[in-house]
Each structure stands twice: as C-alpha cells, then as structure tokens.
Amino acid sequence: MLIIRHISSTNTVQNQLNKINKSMQRTCCLSAKLFWYPIVRYHIQ
C-alpha cells in the first residue's frame, strides 16, 4: 500500500511540475510577444 501511495504522490508532483512548466512557458511566450511586437512593428513601418 505504501509503495502505491508513494507512486501516486510522485505522479502528483510530476503533474504539478508539468503545470508549472506550461504556465511558465506561456508567460515567457507572452512576454516575448509583448517585447518583440513593438520592435517588429517599428521596423515594418
């Protein structure tokens, strides 16, 4: 029982890490867009 519980808890930790990773990637993507968009627009004009 203890082993199964341990596996499920590590699974939960992995899921949390995946969620954090995805949200960080989303934030990085958003900030990159906010950073590059004005520069690109400025150069296009």
PDB file of N, CA and C in Angstrom:
ATOM      1  N   MET A   1       0.830  -1.201   0.000  1.00  0.00           N
ATOM      2  CA  MET A   1       0.000   0.000   0.000  1.00  0.00           C
ATOM      3  C   MET A   1       0.867   1.255   0.000  1.00  0.00           C
ATOM      4  N   LEU A   2       1.900   1.225   0.813  1.00  0.00           N
ATOM      5  CA  LEU A   2       2.767   2.395   0.933  1.00  0.00           C
ATOM      6  C   LEU A   2       3.437   2.713  -0.404  1.00  0.00           C
ATOM      7  N   ILE A   3       3.857   1.657  -1.106  1.00  0.00           N
ATOM      8  CA  ILE A   3       4.529   1.858  -2.399  1.00  0.00           C
ATOM      9  C   ILE A   3       3.566   2.508  -3.393  1.00  0.00           C
ATOM     10  N   ILE A   4       2.333   2.009  -3.435  1.00  0.00           N
ATOM     11  CA  ILE A   4       1.344   2.564  -4.360  1.00  0.00           C
ATOM     12  C   ILE A   4       1.092   4.030  -4.030  1.00  0.00           C
ATOM     13  N   ARG A   5       0.963   4.326  -2.738  1.00  0.00           N
ATOM     14  CA  ARG A   5       0.721   5.704  -2.325  1.00  0.00           C
ATOM     15  C   ARG A   5       1.898   6.589  -2.723  1.00  0.00           C
ATOM     16  N   HIS A   6       3.094   6.062  -2.565  1.00  0.00           N
ATOM     17  CA  HIS A   6       4.286   6.827  -2.926  1.00  0.00           C
ATOM     18  C   HIS A   6       4.295   7.116  -4.432  1.00  0.00           C
ATOM     19  N   ILE A   7       3.953   6.114  -5.229  1.00  0.00           N
ATOM     20  CA  ILE A   7       3.925   6.299  -6.686  1.00  0.00           C
ATOM     21  C   ILE A   7       2.899   7.365  -7.062  1.00  0.00           C
ATOM     22  N   SER A   8       1.727   7.304  -6.450  1.00  0.00           N
ATOM     23  CA  SER A   8       0.691   8.281  -6.778  1.00  0.00           C
ATOM     24  C   SER A   8       1.115   9.675  -6.340  1.00  0.00           C
ATOM     25  N   SER A   9       1.804   9.767  -5.224  1.00  0.00           N
ATOM     26  CA  SER A   9       2.244  11.087  -4.767  1.00  0.00           C
ATOM     27  C   SER A   9       3.312  11.643  -5.699  1.00  0.00           C
ATOM     28  N   THR A  10       4.225  10.795  -6.180  1.00  0.00           N
ATOM     29  CA  THR A  10       5.230  11.277  -7.125  1.00  0.00           C
ATOM     30  C   THR A  10       4.560  11.663  -8.435  1.00  0.00           C
ATOM     31  N   ASN A  11       3.518  10.936  -8.815  1.00  0.00           N
ATOM     32  CA  ASN A  11       2.742  11.296 -10.008  1.00  0.00           C
ATOM     33  C   ASN A  11       2.155  12.684  -9.852  1.00  0.00           C
ATOM     34  N   THR A  12       1.608  12.958  -8.685  1.00  0.00           N
ATOM     35  CA  THR A  12       1.008  14.267  -8.432  1.00  0.00           C
ATOM     36  C   THR A  12       2.071  15.349  -8.520  1.00  0.00           C
ATOM     37  N   VAL A  13       3.227  15.083  -7.957  1.00  0.00           N
ATOM     38  CA  VAL A  13       4.324  16.057  -8.022  1.00  0.00           C
ATOM     39  C   VAL A  13       4.700  16.311  -9.472  1.00  0.00           C
ATOM     40  N   GLN A  14       4.777  15.236 -10.270  1.00  0.00           N
ATOM     41  CA  GLN A  14       5.110  15.369 -11.684  1.00  0.00           C
ATOM     42  C   GLN A  14       4.070  16.214 -12.402  1.00  0.00           C
ATOM     43  N   ASN A  15       2.788  15.979 -12.082  1.00  0.00           N
ATOM     44  CA  ASN A  15       1.717  16.768 -12.693  1.00  0.00           C
ATOM     45  C   ASN A  15       1.857  18.243 -12.333  1.00  0.00           C
ATOM     46  N   GLN A  16       2.162  18.516 -11.060  1.00  0.00           N
ATOM     47  CA  GLN A  16       2.340  19.900 -10.630  1.00  0.00           C
ATOM     48  C   GLN A  16       3.494  20.547 -11.375  1.00  0.00           C
ATOM     49  N   LEU A  17       4.598  19.816 -11.520  1.00  0.00           N
ATOM     50  CA  LEU A  17       5.752  20.346 -12.241  1.00  0.00           C
ATOM     51  C   LEU A  17       5.388  20.630 -13.688  1.00  0.00           C
ATOM     52  N   ASN A  18       4.621  19.736 -14.298  1.00  0.00           N
ATOM     53  CA  ASN A  18       4.191  19.949 -15.679  1.00  0.00           C
ATOM     54  C   ASN A  18       3.332  21.194 -15.794  1.00  0.00           C
ATOM     55  N   LYS A  19       2.417  21.384 -14.847  1.00  0.00           N
ATOM     56  CA  LYS A  19       1.554  22.565 -14.871  1.00  0.00           C
ATOM     57  C   LYS A  19       2.392  23.827 -14.735  1.00  0.00           C
ATOM     58  N   ILE A  20       3.333  23.815 -13.792  1.00  0.00           N
ATOM     59  CA  ILE A  20       4.196  24.981 -13.581  1.00  0.00           C
ATOM     60  C   ILE A  20       4.999  25.256 -14.847  1.00  0.00           C
ATOM     61  N   ASN A  21       5.523  24.192 -15.451  1.00  0.00           N
ATOM     62  CA  ASN A  21       6.304  24.326 -16.682  1.00  0.00           C
ATOM     63  C   ASN A  21       5.473  24.970 -17.781  1.00  0.00           C
ATOM     64  N   LYS A  22       4.257  24.479 -17.963  1.00  0.00           N
ATOM     65  CA  LYS A  22       3.393  25.018 -19.018  1.00  0.00           C
ATOM     66  C   LYS A  22       3.064  26.480 -18.764  1.00  0.00           C
ATOM     67  N   SER A  23       2.732  26.808 -17.519  1.00  0.00           N
ATOM     68  CA  SER A  23       2.385  28.197 -17.219  1.00  0.00           C
ATOM     69  C   SER A  23       3.593  29.101 -17.403  1.00  0.00           C
ATOM     70  N   MET A  24       4.788  28.607 -17.062  1.00  0.00           N
ATOM     71  CA  MET A  24       5.997  29.401 -17.260  1.00  0.00           C
ATOM     72  C   MET A  24       6.254  29.616 -18.743  1.00  0.00           C
ATOM     73  N   GLN A  25       6.062  28.550 -19.547  1.00  0.00           N
ATOM     74  CA  GLN A  25       6.249  28.674 -20.989  1.00  0.00           C
ATOM     75  C   GLN A  25       5.264  29.690 -21.562  1.00  0.00           C
ATOM     76  N   ARG A  26       4.027  29.649 -21.070  1.00  0.00           N
ATOM     77  CA  ARG A  26       3.006  30.582 -21.554  1.00  0.00           C
ATOM     78  C   ARG A  26       3.411  32.012 -21.203  1.00  0.00           C
ATOM     79  N   THR A  27       3.894  32.204 -19.971  1.00  0.00           N
ATOM     80  CA  THR A  27       4.302  33.539 -19.540  1.00  0.00           C
ATOM     81  C   THR A  27       5.483  34.028 -20.365  1.00  0.00           C
ATOM     82  N   CYS A  28       6.451  33.139 -20.607  1.00  0.00           N
ATOM     83  CA  CYS A  28       7.613  33.520 -21.415  1.00  0.00           C
ATOM     84  C   CYS A  28       7.177  33.883 -22.832  1.00  0.00           C
ATOM     85  N   CYS A  29       6.287  33.104 -23.373  1.00  0.00           N
ATOM     86  CA  CYS A  29       5.792  33.356 -24.734  1.00  0.00           C
ATOM     87  C   CYS A  29       5.101  34.707 -24.784  1.00  0.00           C
ATOM     88  N   LEU A  30       4.261  34.979 -23.782  1.00  0.00           N
ATOM     89  CA  LEU A  30       3.519  36.237 -23.745  1.00  0.00           C
ATOM     90  C   LEU A  30       4.466  37.418 -23.617  1.00  0.00           C
ATOM     91  N   SER A  31       5.431  37.320 -22.717  1.00  0.00           N
ATOM     92  CA  SER A  31       6.367  38.430 -22.525  1.00  0.00           C
ATOM     93  C   SER A  31       7.229  38.620 -23.772  1.00  0.00           C
ATOM     94  N   ALA A  32       7.583  37.519 -24.433  1.00  0.00           N
ATOM     95  CA  ALA A  32       8.366  37.622 -25.667  1.00  0.00           C
ATOM     96  C   ALA A  32       7.558  38.351 -26.740  1.00  0.00           C
ATOM     97  N   LYS A  33       6.268  38.019 -26.843  1.00  0.00           N
ATOM     98  CA  LYS A  33       5.413  38.700 -27.817  1.00  0.00           C
ATOM     99  C   LYS A  33       5.320  40.182 -27.484  1.00  0.00           C
ATOM    100  N   LEU A  34       5.091  40.487 -26.207  1.00  0.00           N
ATOM    101  CA  LEU A  34       4.971  41.888 -25.797  1.00  0.00           C
ATOM    102  C   LEU A  34       6.266  42.634 -26.046  1.00  0.00           C
ATOM    103  N   PHE A  35       7.391  41.933 -25.930  1.00  0.00           N
ATOM    104  CA  PHE A  35       8.689  42.567 -26.127  1.00  0.00           C
ATOM    105  C   PHE A  35       8.998  42.765 -27.609  1.00  0.00           C
ATOM    106  N   TRP A  36       8.737  41.718 -28.407  1.00  0.00           N
ATOM    107  CA  TRP A  36       9.122  41.765 -29.826  1.00  0.00           C
ATOM    108  C   TRP A  36       8.124  42.510 -30.698  1.00  0.00           C
ATOM    109  N   TYR A  37       6.848  42.465 -30.338  1.00  0.00           N
ATOM    110  CA  TYR A  37       5.811  43.031 -31.199  1.00  0.00           C
ATOM    111  C   TYR A  37       6.046  44.499 -31.529  1.00  0.00           C
ATOM    112  N   PRO A  38       6.321  45.366 -30.541  1.00  0.00           N
ATOM    113  CA  PRO A  38       6.569  46.784 -30.885  1.00  0.00           C
ATOM    114  C   PRO A  38       7.815  46.962 -31.753  1.00  0.00           C
ATOM    115  N   ILE A  39       8.858  46.169 -31.482  1.00  0.00           N
ATOM    116  CA  ILE A  39      10.091  46.281 -32.263  1.00  0.00           C
ATOM    117  C   ILE A  39       9.821  45.908 -33.724  1.00  0.00           C
ATOM    118  N   VAL A  40       9.128  44.792 -33.910  1.00  0.00           N
ATOM    119  CA  VAL A  40       8.828  44.334 -35.270  1.00  0.00           C
ATOM    120  C   VAL A  40       7.950  45.349 -35.991  1.00  0.00           C
ATOM    121  N   ARG A  41       6.962  45.852 -35.292  1.00  0.00           N
ATOM    122  CA  ARG A  41       6.073  46.855 -35.911  1.00  0.00           C
ATOM    123  C   ARG A  41       6.849  48.102 -36.282  1.00  0.00           C
ATOM    124  N   TYR A  42       7.736  48.493 -35.406  1.00  0.00           N
ATOM    125  CA  TYR A  42       8.528  49.698 -35.667  1.00  0.00           C
ATOM    126  C   TYR A  42       9.390  49.513 -36.912  1.00  0.00           C
ATOM    127  N   HIS A  43       9.966  48.325 -37.056  1.00  0.00           N
ATOM    128  CA  HIS A  43      10.838  48.071 -38.206  1.00  0.00           C
ATOM    129  C   HIS A  43      10.038  47.899 -39.491  1.00  0.00           C
ATOM    130  N   ILE A  44       8.807  47.383 -39.365  1.00  0.00           N
ATOM    131  CA  ILE A  44       7.978  47.222 -40.563  1.00  0.00           C
ATOM    132  C   ILE A  44       7.566  48.590 -41.093  1.00  0.00           C
ATOM    133  N   GLN A  45       7.230  49.518 -40.201  1.00  0.00           N
ATOM    134  CA  GLN A  45       6.881  50.876 -40.637  1.00  0.00           C
ATOM    135  C   GLN A  45       8.148  51.583 -41.093  1.00  0.00           C
TER     136      GLN A  45
END
